[in-house]
Structures are given as structure tokens and as C-alpha cells.
Amino acid sequence: RGTWYIRTSREGIRIMPLGFNPKYCVVEELLDKHVLLVRLNRPKNLNSLHLNCHWELDTIWNYFEENNDLWIGVLTGNGRAFCAGNDLKASSGFDSDGDGKTFEGLQERGFKMPPSGFGGITDRRAVKPIIAAVNGVAHGGGFEVALSCDILIASEAADFALPEVKVGLFAAAGGVVKLPRLLGYQNAMHMILTGKRVKGAEAHRLGIVQELVKEGDDVVAVALAMADEINLGNPDAVQVSVEVAKSSYSNATPFAEAVKDQYKTRTSIRWLKGPNMKEGPLAFSQKRKPNWASPEPLPPAKL
């Protein structure tokens, strides 16, 4: 059964299509907050993802990137899991959707992942911040999806692990690369080689999680409050910050080179030309809140 895309504003809630009817997610556009809220919605499968899920999420995150009035994404899961990673049943040829359509349309796509990677996000070169609101199990690819977000907010009930080696795989969606950089080599290898499970409080202590939420409290509400805090800033400057930091981190760019090249990015060039650069100092001098404009469209990223 599909789930409608919901758009909310001061005028209330109205139903509208996203070009298609999402099957694996609940998607809500919070216009007043400039936020796209995406809830993975396969609770019986612990929000594990198969190929058609990845393609659906690719389309959703493409929409997010292309809509200039959406400044921040929030990703969470319905039920007791954030995302349990790869749908191993579907990988084994089992119809895990239960409707005969688990593999529909995949032959035309060569049974391949989208270019944006696992969950439509792990290989994405996004400049808008995405907050992971980790409500429960985040294993394998689900953990890697969370690591691909810019900020992690997690419940004490969150459960992180990279158990791929136990099922004959390895964490190839960025886990074996990102985790050692985040935790240090030996700490990361302890998790990677044993599949060790880390609960929310320990993940917070290790630096995986930036904000910890008491079990039973609404982790999405905390993520939306974080989005409000980010949106106090110039959205052009926020996106420059994301692009420069993510590029230098992902490419392991030498410090001096990264500092020199930061003004050459697409977002930096737009920031210099846009109205928000003048609006910030003007609002400060007039002792009022800035009235930020939505950033202009960006030229395509160079691959």
C-alpha cells in the first residue's frame, strides 16, 4: 500500500503527489520550517532496504536537492528501527514486499543501485544538511546511511552495528572507510570485525552521535528543533559550509589546499553573489531577525 506525500503550511495540510506515490516512505514537506521529513516505512522489515527502495529514495532526495525552498532534510524510521540495512530476504530472491512487486522494474535498471548509493544517500554529493533522527536499530547499510548524514541525533534506544562480515559481506557503503576516520582505527575495527552493537549512550560517548535523546522521547522533534536552530543562519552560508567541509573530509584534501579552494565551490560563488550575504549584516545593524531568501539553483556538480 502506497503512502501519500504530505505538504504542510500555515494554511494547513494538503495532499499532493511527488511525481509518484511513495511505497516505502512517508514524506512530509514542512514549508514553514524549510524541511523535508522522510520516514522509512517498512516497519515489519525493520526498514531494511532493497533495490527498489534505493531507487525510490534516490528520487525523493533528488527532489529535495532540486527544491530551493527546502533547506534541511530529516531522515528517520517508522517502528522500532531506523534502518536495519540491506534487505537480505530480497537479496536472496524472496518477495519481501509480499505483493509480487519487490523486483518490479529492476530489469530495466540492470538490477543496479542508483548512482547516489545505498538509501539514495551514501554516494550523494549533497550540499544541503541532512539530520539523521535515529530512533532504533541502525545496522549495516542503515548505519552507513546515518553516517552519510551531517548530524546524528539518536535515542538511547538506538542500536548501531556493522554486522556485514557475519553474513559474508563487508560494509561497502562507506562504513569501513568512514568509521576509522571517525573513531580512530582500532576502535572502528573492533566494531567492523566483530559486528559489535553500540547503544545510543555509548555512540554518543564515542562521538558517533551529536545529541542523545532519552528513550521514549520524540527524537524527530529534537531533530526538527535542530533544523530550526540551523535555519537561524544564512542558508547560502550553511550550504557553503556543508560543501566545503564534506569535500575536504571525503577527499582527504590537504589543509592548505582545502582553505585555498573553498572559494571556488559552487555554493561559495553563489553565496558571494546572493542577497543573503548583505541581508545578514543589514539585519544585525538594524537589530532585527534576518529575512533569508531561498538559495538560487546551483549548476550541476562536476564529477
C-alpha atoms as a PDB file:
ATOM      1  CA  ARG A   1       0.000   0.000   0.000  1.00  0.00           C
ATOM      2  CA  GLY A   2       1.419   3.386  -1.011  1.00  0.00           C
ATOM      3  CA  THR A   3       1.733   6.377   1.260  1.00  0.00           C
ATOM      4  CA  TRP A   4       0.858   9.864   0.105  1.00  0.00           C
ATOM      5  CA  TYR A   5       3.295  12.703   0.120  1.00  0.00           C
ATOM      6  CA  ILE A   6       2.116  15.350   2.608  1.00  0.00           C
ATOM      7  CA  ARG A   7       2.787  19.059   2.378  1.00  0.00           C
ATOM      8  CA  THR A   8       2.059  21.333   5.339  1.00  0.00           C
ATOM      9  CA  SER A   9       1.942  25.094   5.667  1.00  0.00           C
ATOM     10  CA  ARG A  10       0.231  27.751   7.747  1.00  0.00           C
ATOM     11  CA  GLU A  11      -2.864  27.131   5.633  1.00  0.00           C
ATOM     12  CA  GLY A  12      -2.988  23.538   6.866  1.00  0.00           C
ATOM     13  CA  ILE A  13      -2.222  20.186   5.296  1.00  0.00           C
ATOM     14  CA  ARG A  14      -2.866  19.366   1.690  1.00  0.00           C
ATOM     15  CA  ILE A  15      -2.155  16.186  -0.196  1.00  0.00           C
ATOM     16  CA  MET A  16      -0.094  16.404  -3.333  1.00  0.00           C
ATOM     17  CA  PRO A  17       1.889  13.972  -5.486  1.00  0.00           C
ATOM     18  CA  LEU A  18       5.666  13.686  -5.538  1.00  0.00           C
ATOM     19  CA  GLY A  19       5.536  12.717  -9.187  1.00  0.00           C
ATOM     20  CA  PHE A  20       4.716   9.229  -7.867  1.00  0.00           C
ATOM     21  CA  ASN A  21       3.132   7.642  -4.808  1.00  0.00           C
ATOM     22  CA  PRO A  22       5.913   6.605  -2.374  1.00  0.00           C
ATOM     23  CA  LYS A  23       5.651   2.956  -1.391  1.00  0.00           C
ATOM     24  CA  TYR A  24       8.476   2.611   1.100  1.00  0.00           C
ATOM     25  CA  CYS A  25       8.480   6.027   2.814  1.00  0.00           C
ATOM     26  CA  VAL A  26       6.266   8.660   4.353  1.00  0.00           C
ATOM     27  CA  VAL A  27       7.419  12.041   3.077  1.00  0.00           C
ATOM     28  CA  GLU A  28       6.356  15.346   4.579  1.00  0.00           C
ATOM     29  CA  GLU A  29       7.352  18.805   3.432  1.00  0.00           C
ATOM     30  CA  LEU A  30       7.260  21.276   6.334  1.00  0.00           C
ATOM     31  CA  LEU A  31       7.095  24.518   4.397  1.00  0.00           C
ATOM     32  CA  ASP A  32       7.301  26.851   7.395  1.00  0.00           C
ATOM     33  CA  LYS A  33      10.490  25.098   8.510  1.00  0.00           C
ATOM     34  CA  HIS A  34      12.027  24.635   5.027  1.00  0.00           C
ATOM     35  CA  VAL A  35      12.355  20.946   5.990  1.00  0.00           C
ATOM     36  CA  LEU A  36      11.777  17.695   4.117  1.00  0.00           C
ATOM     37  CA  LEU A  37      10.980  14.948   6.638  1.00  0.00           C
ATOM     38  CA  VAL A  38      11.464  11.406   5.322  1.00  0.00           C
ATOM     39  CA  ARG A  39      10.301   8.407   7.369  1.00  0.00           C
ATOM     40  CA  LEU A  40      11.361   4.953   6.168  1.00  0.00           C
ATOM     41  CA  ASN A  41       8.165   2.923   6.310  1.00  0.00           C
ATOM     42  CA  ARG A  42       8.835  -0.815   6.205  1.00  0.00           C
ATOM     43  CA  PRO A  43       8.443  -1.493   9.940  1.00  0.00           C
ATOM     44  CA  LYS A  44       7.736  -5.216   9.514  1.00  0.00           C
ATOM     45  CA  ASN A  45      11.092  -5.487   7.741  1.00  0.00           C
ATOM     46  CA  LEU A  46      12.821  -3.184  10.267  1.00  0.00           C
ATOM     47  CA  ASN A  47      13.050  -0.652   7.438  1.00  0.00           C
ATOM     48  CA  SER A  48      15.630  -2.773   5.642  1.00  0.00           C
ATOM     49  CA  LEU A  49      16.097  -1.674   2.037  1.00  0.00           C
ATOM     50  CA  HIS A  50      16.174  -3.499  -1.291  1.00  0.00           C
ATOM     51  CA  LEU A  51      16.918  -2.120  -4.757  1.00  0.00           C
ATOM     52  CA  ASN A  52      13.524  -0.541  -5.388  1.00  0.00           C
ATOM     53  CA  CYS A  53      13.734   1.181  -2.003  1.00  0.00           C
ATOM     54  CA  HIS A  54      17.059   2.722  -3.018  1.00  0.00           C
ATOM     55  CA  TRP A  55      15.605   3.993  -6.280  1.00  0.00           C
ATOM     56  CA  GLU A  56      12.581   5.483  -4.510  1.00  0.00           C
ATOM     57  CA  LEU A  57      14.827   7.255  -2.001  1.00  0.00           C
ATOM     58  CA  ASP A  58      17.061   8.464  -4.831  1.00  0.00           C
ATOM     59  CA  THR A  59      14.042  10.187  -6.387  1.00  0.00           C
ATOM     60  CA  ILE A  60      12.990  11.699  -3.047  1.00  0.00           C
ATOM     61  CA  TRP A  61      16.440  13.090  -2.268  1.00  0.00           C
ATOM     62  CA  ASN A  62      16.747  14.380  -5.843  1.00  0.00           C
ATOM     63  CA  TYR A  63      13.527  16.310  -5.249  1.00  0.00           C
ATOM     64  CA  PHE A  64      14.970  17.674  -2.016  1.00  0.00           C
ATOM     65  CA  GLU A  65      18.121  18.873  -3.766  1.00  0.00           C
ATOM     66  CA  GLU A  66      16.202  20.472  -6.639  1.00  0.00           C
ATOM     67  CA  ASN A  67      13.635  22.322  -4.477  1.00  0.00           C
ATOM     68  CA  ASN A  68      15.237  25.633  -3.465  1.00  0.00           C
ATOM     69  CA  ASP A  69      12.700  26.243  -0.674  1.00  0.00           C
ATOM     70  CA  LEU A  70      13.805  23.067   1.131  1.00  0.00           C
ATOM     71  CA  TRP A  71      16.927  23.814   3.146  1.00  0.00           C
ATOM     72  CA  ILE A  72      17.260  20.840   5.527  1.00  0.00           C
ATOM     73  CA  GLY A  73      16.397  17.137   5.371  1.00  0.00           C
ATOM     74  CA  VAL A  74      15.465  14.942   8.332  1.00  0.00           C
ATOM     75  CA  LEU A  75      15.599  11.156   7.988  1.00  0.00           C
ATOM     76  CA  THR A  76      14.106   8.678  10.464  1.00  0.00           C
ATOM     77  CA  GLY A  77      12.333   5.322  10.553  1.00  0.00           C
ATOM     78  CA  ASN A  78       8.823   4.219  11.496  1.00  0.00           C
ATOM     79  CA  GLY A  79       8.530   1.470  14.093  1.00  0.00           C
ATOM     80  CA  ARG A  80      11.373   0.235  16.275  1.00  0.00           C
ATOM     81  CA  ALA A  81      14.100   0.566  13.650  1.00  0.00           C
ATOM     82  CA  PHE A  82      15.835   3.422  11.888  1.00  0.00           C
ATOM     83  CA  CYS A  83      17.076   1.087   9.161  1.00  0.00           C
ATOM     84  CA  ALA A  84      18.298  -2.493   9.532  1.00  0.00           C
ATOM     85  CA  GLY A  85      20.386  -2.196   6.379  1.00  0.00           C
ATOM     86  CA  ASN A  86      20.238  -4.460   3.346  1.00  0.00           C
ATOM     87  CA  ASP A  87      17.063  -6.495   2.869  1.00  0.00           C
ATOM     88  CA  LEU A  88      18.734  -9.907   2.830  1.00  0.00           C
ATOM     89  CA  LYS A  89      15.461 -11.666   2.017  1.00  0.00           C
ATOM     90  CA  ALA A  90      15.081  -9.667  -1.181  1.00  0.00           C
ATOM     91  CA  SER A  91      18.776 -10.187  -1.961  1.00  0.00           C
ATOM     92  CA  SER A  92      18.069 -13.913  -1.774  1.00  0.00           C
ATOM     93  CA  GLY A  93      15.213 -13.618  -4.274  1.00  0.00           C
ATOM     94  CA  PHE A  94      12.369 -13.575  -1.733  1.00  0.00           C
ATOM     95  CA  ASP A  95       9.378 -11.300  -2.359  1.00  0.00           C
ATOM     96  CA  SER A  96       9.777  -9.344   0.899  1.00  0.00           C
ATOM     97  CA  ASP A  97       7.123  -6.777  -0.083  1.00  0.00           C
ATOM     98  CA  GLY A  98       4.622  -9.620  -0.199  1.00  0.00           C
ATOM     99  CA  ASP A  99       2.783  -8.147  -3.189  1.00  0.00           C
ATOM    100  CA  GLY A 100       4.745  -9.708  -6.045  1.00  0.00           C
ATOM    101  CA  LYS A 101       6.320  -6.333  -6.881  1.00  0.00           C
ATOM    102  CA  THR A 102       9.579  -6.393  -4.905  1.00  0.00           C
ATOM    103  CA  PHE A 103      11.617  -6.690  -8.118  1.00  0.00           C
ATOM    104  CA  GLU A 104       9.304  -4.742 -10.428  1.00  0.00           C
ATOM    105  CA  GLY A 105      11.149  -2.556 -12.985  1.00  0.00           C
ATOM    106  CA  LEU A 106      14.627  -3.638 -11.910  1.00  0.00           C
ATOM    107  CA  GLN A 107      15.479  -5.422 -15.135  1.00  0.00           C
ATOM    108  CA  GLU A 108      15.247  -2.096 -16.996  1.00  0.00           C
ATOM    109  CA  ARG A 109      17.714  -0.691 -14.456  1.00  0.00           C
ATOM    110  CA  GLY A 110      20.114  -3.580 -14.879  1.00  0.00           C
ATOM    111  CA  PHE A 111      19.481  -4.709 -11.292  1.00  0.00           C
ATOM    112  CA  LYS A 112      21.868  -1.942 -10.198  1.00  0.00           C
ATOM    113  CA  MET A 113      21.917   0.583  -7.363  1.00  0.00           C
ATOM    114  CA  PRO A 114      21.230   4.243  -8.170  1.00  0.00           C
ATOM    115  CA  PRO A 115      24.341   6.424  -8.569  1.00  0.00           C
ATOM    116  CA  SER A 116      23.509   8.045  -5.215  1.00  0.00           C
ATOM    117  CA  GLY A 117      24.173   4.746  -3.452  1.00  0.00           C
ATOM    118  CA  PHE A 118      22.538   2.937  -0.541  1.00  0.00           C
ATOM    119  CA  GLY A 119      19.352   4.672   0.569  1.00  0.00           C
ATOM    120  CA  GLY A 120      19.875   7.177  -2.236  1.00  0.00           C
ATOM    121  CA  ILE A 121      22.350   8.961   0.015  1.00  0.00           C
ATOM    122  CA  THR A 122      25.682   7.203   0.721  1.00  0.00           C
ATOM    123  CA  ASP A 123      27.295   8.328  -2.567  1.00  0.00           C
ATOM    124  CA  ARG A 124      25.344  11.560  -2.935  1.00  0.00           C
ATOM    125  CA  ARG A 125      27.260  14.841  -3.263  1.00  0.00           C
ATOM    126  CA  ALA A 126      24.645  16.915  -1.435  1.00  0.00           C
ATOM    127  CA  VAL A 127      25.216  20.466  -0.169  1.00  0.00           C
ATOM    128  CA  LYS A 128      22.083  20.708   1.975  1.00  0.00           C
ATOM    129  CA  PRO A 129      22.382  19.373   5.526  1.00  0.00           C
ATOM    130  CA  ILE A 130      20.545  16.162   6.399  1.00  0.00           C
ATOM    131  CA  ILE A 131      19.904  15.225  10.015  1.00  0.00           C
ATOM    132  CA  ALA A 132      19.563  11.548  10.950  1.00  0.00           C
ATOM    133  CA  ALA A 133      16.986  11.047  13.717  1.00  0.00           C
ATOM    134  CA  VAL A 134      17.989   7.532  14.779  1.00  0.00           C
ATOM    135  CA  ASN A 135      15.081   6.029  16.692  1.00  0.00           C
ATOM    136  CA  GLY A 136      16.220   2.407  16.961  1.00  0.00           C
ATOM    137  CA  VAL A 137      18.142  -0.259  15.055  1.00  0.00           C
ATOM    138  CA  ALA A 138      20.722   1.171  12.624  1.00  0.00           C
ATOM    139  CA  HIS A 139      22.652  -1.837  11.364  1.00  0.00           C
ATOM    140  CA  GLY A 140      24.777  -2.371   8.276  1.00  0.00           C
ATOM    141  CA  GLY A 141      23.650  -0.115   5.467  1.00  0.00           C
ATOM    142  CA  GLY A 142      21.326   1.643   7.903  1.00  0.00           C
ATOM    143  CA  PHE A 143      24.326   2.699   9.990  1.00  0.00           C
ATOM    144  CA  GLU A 144      26.117   3.744   6.795  1.00  0.00           C
ATOM    145  CA  VAL A 145      23.114   5.848   5.775  1.00  0.00           C
ATOM    146  CA  ALA A 146      23.230   7.564   9.183  1.00  0.00           C
ATOM    147  CA  LEU A 147      26.988   8.155   8.787  1.00  0.00           C
ATOM    148  CA  SER A 148      26.251   9.816   5.436  1.00  0.00           C
ATOM    149  CA  CYS A 149      24.089  12.427   7.175  1.00  0.00           C
ATOM    150  CA  ASP A 150      25.620  15.628   8.519  1.00  0.00           C
ATOM    151  CA  ILE A 151      24.354  15.421  12.108  1.00  0.00           C
ATOM    152  CA  LEU A 152      23.194  12.352  14.073  1.00  0.00           C
ATOM    153  CA  ILE A 153      20.577  12.686  16.803  1.00  0.00           C
ATOM    154  CA  ALA A 154      19.786   9.385  18.483  1.00  0.00           C
ATOM    155  CA  SER A 155      17.538   7.880  21.101  1.00  0.00           C
ATOM    156  CA  GLU A 156      19.061   5.945  23.981  1.00  0.00           C
ATOM    157  CA  ALA A 157      17.239   3.019  22.300  1.00  0.00           C
ATOM    158  CA  ALA A 158      19.333   3.440  19.136  1.00  0.00           C
ATOM    159  CA  ASP A 159      21.445   0.407  18.263  1.00  0.00           C
ATOM    160  CA  PHE A 160      24.398   0.812  15.875  1.00  0.00           C
ATOM    161  CA  ALA A 161      26.353  -2.018  14.255  1.00  0.00           C
ATOM    162  CA  LEU A 162      28.183  -3.121  11.111  1.00  0.00           C
ATOM    163  CA  PRO A 163      27.451  -6.879  11.122  1.00  0.00           C
ATOM    164  CA  GLU A 164      28.168  -7.481   7.420  1.00  0.00           C
ATOM    165  CA  VAL A 165      31.108  -9.866   7.936  1.00  0.00           C
ATOM    166  CA  LYS A 166      28.788 -12.244   9.782  1.00  0.00           C
ATOM    167  CA  VAL A 167      26.648 -12.711   6.673  1.00  0.00           C
ATOM    168  CA  GLY A 168      29.564 -12.949   4.237  1.00  0.00           C
ATOM    169  CA  LEU A 169      29.700  -9.282   3.204  1.00  0.00           C
ATOM    170  CA  PHE A 170      31.577  -6.135   4.228  1.00  0.00           C
ATOM    171  CA  ALA A 171      30.370  -2.592   4.925  1.00  0.00           C
ATOM    172  CA  ALA A 172      30.908  -1.356   1.367  1.00  0.00           C
ATOM    173  CA  ALA A 173      28.560   1.645   1.502  1.00  0.00           C
ATOM    174  CA  GLY A 174      31.197   3.718   3.281  1.00  0.00           C
ATOM    175  CA  GLY A 175      31.308   2.045   6.692  1.00  0.00           C
ATOM    176  CA  VAL A 176      34.822   0.590   6.501  1.00  0.00           C
ATOM    177  CA  VAL A 177      36.131   3.969   5.266  1.00  0.00           C
ATOM    178  CA  LYS A 178      34.178   6.463   7.388  1.00  0.00           C
ATOM    179  CA  LEU A 179      34.172   4.728  10.756  1.00  0.00           C
ATOM    180  CA  PRO A 180      38.001   4.551  11.188  1.00  0.00           C
ATOM    181  CA  ARG A 181      38.217   8.268  10.392  1.00  0.00           C
ATOM    182  CA  LEU A 182      35.515   8.999  12.933  1.00  0.00           C
ATOM    183  CA  LEU A 183      36.526   6.722  15.812  1.00  0.00           C
ATOM    184  CA  GLY A 184      40.191   6.010  15.202  1.00  0.00           C
ATOM    185  CA  TYR A 185      41.452   2.818  13.587  1.00  0.00           C
ATOM    186  CA  GLN A 186      41.323   0.282  16.446  1.00  0.00           C
ATOM    187  CA  ASN A 187      38.002   1.481  17.881  1.00  0.00           C
ATOM    188  CA  ALA A 188      36.428   1.243  14.442  1.00  0.00           C
ATOM    189  CA  MET A 189      37.933  -2.162  13.654  1.00  0.00           C
ATOM    190  CA  HIS A 190      36.506  -3.531  16.889  1.00  0.00           C
ATOM    191  CA  MET A 191      33.034  -2.771  15.537  1.00  0.00           C
ATOM    192  CA  ILE A 192      33.764  -3.687  11.904  1.00  0.00           C
ATOM    193  CA  LEU A 193      35.423  -7.070  12.517  1.00  0.00           C
ATOM    194  CA  THR A 194      33.159  -8.328  15.318  1.00  0.00           C
ATOM    195  CA  GLY A 195      29.856  -6.699  14.409  1.00  0.00           C
ATOM    196  CA  LYS A 196      29.741  -5.217  17.916  1.00  0.00           C
ATOM    197  CA  ARG A 197      26.461  -3.464  18.739  1.00  0.00           C
ATOM    198  CA  VAL A 198      26.681   0.009  20.277  1.00  0.00           C
ATOM    199  CA  LYS A 199      23.692   1.560  22.036  1.00  0.00           C
ATOM    200  CA  GLY A 200      22.806   5.242  21.851  1.00  0.00           C
ATOM    201  CA  ALA A 201      24.615   6.386  25.011  1.00  0.00           C
ATOM    202  CA  GLU A 202      27.885   4.696  24.024  1.00  0.00           C
ATOM    203  CA  ALA A 203      27.565   6.012  20.477  1.00  0.00           C
ATOM    204  CA  HIS A 204      27.236   9.495  21.953  1.00  0.00           C
ATOM    205  CA  ARG A 205      30.324   8.965  24.117  1.00  0.00           C
ATOM    206  CA  LEU A 206      32.309   7.717  21.095  1.00  0.00           C
ATOM    207  CA  GLY A 207      31.348  10.747  19.008  1.00  0.00           C
ATOM    208  CA  ILE A 208      29.123   8.914  16.519  1.00  0.00           C
ATOM    209  CA  VAL A 209      26.065  10.758  17.847  1.00  0.00           C
ATOM    210  CA  GLN A 210      25.991  14.506  18.450  1.00  0.00           C
ATOM    211  CA  GLU A 211      22.840  14.699  20.582  1.00  0.00           C
ATOM    212  CA  LEU A 212      21.326  11.974  22.774  1.00  0.00           C
ATOM    213  CA  VAL A 213      17.584  11.765  23.464  1.00  0.00           C
ATOM    214  CA  LYS A 214      16.037   9.895  26.384  1.00  0.00           C
ATOM    215  CA  GLU A 215      14.373   6.618  25.448  1.00  0.00           C
ATOM    216  CA  GLY A 216      10.681   7.253  24.857  1.00  0.00           C
ATOM    217  CA  ASP A 217      11.163  10.926  23.934  1.00  0.00           C
ATOM    218  CA  ASP A 218      10.498  12.105  20.382  1.00  0.00           C
ATOM    219  CA  VAL A 219      13.796  12.031  18.501  1.00  0.00           C
ATOM    220  CA  VAL A 220      12.184  13.620  15.432  1.00  0.00           C
ATOM    221  CA  ALA A 221      11.021  16.615  17.491  1.00  0.00           C
ATOM    222  CA  VAL A 222      14.615  17.127  18.650  1.00  0.00           C
ATOM    223  CA  ALA A 223      15.830  16.888  15.036  1.00  0.00           C
ATOM    224  CA  LEU A 224      13.268  19.482  13.931  1.00  0.00           C
ATOM    225  CA  ALA A 225      14.383  21.781  16.757  1.00  0.00           C
ATOM    226  CA  MET A 226      17.953  21.346  15.496  1.00  0.00           C
ATOM    227  CA  ALA A 227      16.734  22.267  11.985  1.00  0.00           C
ATOM    228  CA  ASP A 228      15.161  25.442  13.402  1.00  0.00           C
ATOM    229  CA  GLU A 229      18.493  26.306  15.013  1.00  0.00           C
ATOM    230  CA  ILE A 230      20.385  25.769  11.758  1.00  0.00           C
ATOM    231  CA  ASN A 231      17.827  27.865   9.862  1.00  0.00           C
ATOM    232  CA  LEU A 232      18.668  30.892  12.010  1.00  0.00           C
ATOM    233  CA  GLY A 233      21.726  31.118   9.775  1.00  0.00           C
ATOM    234  CA  ASN A 234      22.075  32.150   6.152  1.00  0.00           C
ATOM    235  CA  PRO A 235      21.074  29.082   4.071  1.00  0.00           C
ATOM    236  CA  ASP A 236      23.666  30.032   1.447  1.00  0.00           C
ATOM    237  CA  ALA A 237      26.387  30.075   4.103  1.00  0.00           C
ATOM    238  CA  VAL A 238      25.113  26.806   5.574  1.00  0.00           C
ATOM    239  CA  GLN A 239      25.378  25.111   2.188  1.00  0.00           C
ATOM    240  CA  VAL A 240      28.870  26.529   1.579  1.00  0.00           C
ATOM    241  CA  SER A 241      29.864  25.078   4.931  1.00  0.00           C
ATOM    242  CA  VAL A 242      28.452  21.657   4.057  1.00  0.00           C
ATOM    243  CA  GLU A 243      30.029  21.519   0.601  1.00  0.00           C
ATOM    244  CA  VAL A 244      33.496  22.671   1.709  1.00  0.00           C
ATOM    245  CA  ALA A 245      33.619  20.502   4.832  1.00  0.00           C
ATOM    246  CA  LYS A 246      32.233  17.420   3.102  1.00  0.00           C
ATOM    247  CA  SER A 247      34.536  17.787   0.102  1.00  0.00           C
ATOM    248  CA  SER A 248      37.697  18.236   2.163  1.00  0.00           C
ATOM    249  CA  TYR A 249      36.685  15.378   4.500  1.00  0.00           C
ATOM    250  CA  SER A 250      35.669  12.943   1.762  1.00  0.00           C
ATOM    251  CA  ASN A 251      38.639  13.716  -0.483  1.00  0.00           C
ATOM    252  CA  ALA A 252      41.136  13.942   2.404  1.00  0.00           C
ATOM    253  CA  THR A 253      42.243  17.276   0.917  1.00  0.00           C
ATOM    254  CA  PRO A 254      45.428  18.737   2.446  1.00  0.00           C
ATOM    255  CA  PHE A 255      44.662  21.639   4.784  1.00  0.00           C
ATOM    256  CA  ALA A 256      46.305  24.439   2.805  1.00  0.00           C
ATOM    257  CA  GLU A 257      44.716  23.247  -0.443  1.00  0.00           C
ATOM    258  CA  ALA A 258      41.261  22.980   1.143  1.00  0.00           C
ATOM    259  CA  VAL A 259      41.483  26.528   2.531  1.00  0.00           C
ATOM    260  CA  LYS A 260      42.626  27.859  -0.845  1.00  0.00           C
ATOM    261  CA  ASP A 261      39.909  26.043  -2.809  1.00  0.00           C
ATOM    262  CA  GLN A 262      36.941  26.830  -0.566  1.00  0.00           C
ATOM    263  CA  TYR A 263      36.064  29.983  -2.523  1.00  0.00           C
ATOM    264  CA  LYS A 264      35.965  28.020  -5.788  1.00  0.00           C
ATOM    265  CA  THR A 265      32.970  25.845  -4.845  1.00  0.00           C
ATOM    266  CA  ARG A 266      29.566  26.231  -6.482  1.00  0.00           C
ATOM    267  CA  THR A 267      27.970  27.238  -3.204  1.00  0.00           C
ATOM    268  CA  SER A 268      30.689  29.756  -2.352  1.00  0.00           C
ATOM    269  CA  ILE A 269      30.332  31.514  -5.718  1.00  0.00           C
ATOM    270  CA  ARG A 270      26.554  31.654  -5.213  1.00  0.00           C
ATOM    271  CA  TRP A 271      26.985  32.931  -1.628  1.00  0.00           C
ATOM    272  CA  LEU A 272      29.187  35.812  -2.819  1.00  0.00           C
ATOM    273  CA  LYS A 273      26.624  36.885  -5.437  1.00  0.00           C
ATOM    274  CA  GLY A 274      23.425  36.278  -3.468  1.00  0.00           C
ATOM    275  CA  PRO A 275      21.314  38.728  -1.423  1.00  0.00           C
ATOM    276  CA  ASN A 276      21.743  36.851   1.870  1.00  0.00           C
ATOM    277  CA  MET A 277      25.356  37.961   2.249  1.00  0.00           C
ATOM    278  CA  LYS A 278      24.128  41.579   2.518  1.00  0.00           C
ATOM    279  CA  GLU A 279      20.981  40.717   4.476  1.00  0.00           C
ATOM    280  CA  GLY A 280      22.897  39.296   7.458  1.00  0.00           C
ATOM    281  CA  PRO A 281      24.964  42.413   8.288  1.00  0.00           C
ATOM    282  CA  LEU A 282      21.998  44.679   7.473  1.00  0.00           C
ATOM    283  CA  ALA A 283      19.676  42.814   9.859  1.00  0.00           C
ATOM    284  CA  PHE A 284      22.356  42.910  12.561  1.00  0.00           C
ATOM    285  CA  SER A 285      22.802  46.673  12.204  1.00  0.00           C
ATOM    286  CA  GLN A 286      19.010  47.192  12.283  1.00  0.00           C
ATOM    287  CA  LYS A 287      18.636  44.910  15.335  1.00  0.00           C
ATOM    288  CA  ARG A 288      16.144  42.575  13.664  1.00  0.00           C
ATOM    289  CA  LYS A 289      15.994  38.960  12.557  1.00  0.00           C
ATOM    290  CA  PRO A 290      17.356  38.322   9.053  1.00  0.00           C
ATOM    291  CA  ASN A 291      14.841  37.654   6.314  1.00  0.00           C
ATOM    292  CA  TRP A 292      16.736  34.957   4.429  1.00  0.00           C
ATOM    293  CA  ALA A 293      15.945  34.260   0.783  1.00  0.00           C
ATOM    294  CA  SER A 294      15.953  30.736  -0.589  1.00  0.00           C
ATOM    295  CA  PRO A 295      19.250  29.996  -2.375  1.00  0.00           C
ATOM    296  CA  GLU A 296      19.308  30.139  -6.160  1.00  0.00           C
ATOM    297  CA  PRO A 297      19.654  26.874  -8.150  1.00  0.00           C
ATOM    298  CA  LEU A 298      23.173  25.505  -8.431  1.00  0.00           C
ATOM    299  CA  PRO A 299      24.917  24.380 -11.616  1.00  0.00           C
ATOM    300  CA  PRO A 300      25.458  20.612 -11.783  1.00  0.00           C
ATOM    301  CA  ALA A 301      28.378  19.256  -9.771  1.00  0.00           C
ATOM    302  CA  LYS A 302      31.487  18.289 -11.722  1.00  0.00           C
ATOM    303  CA  LEU A 303      32.150  14.548 -11.433  1.00  0.00           C
END
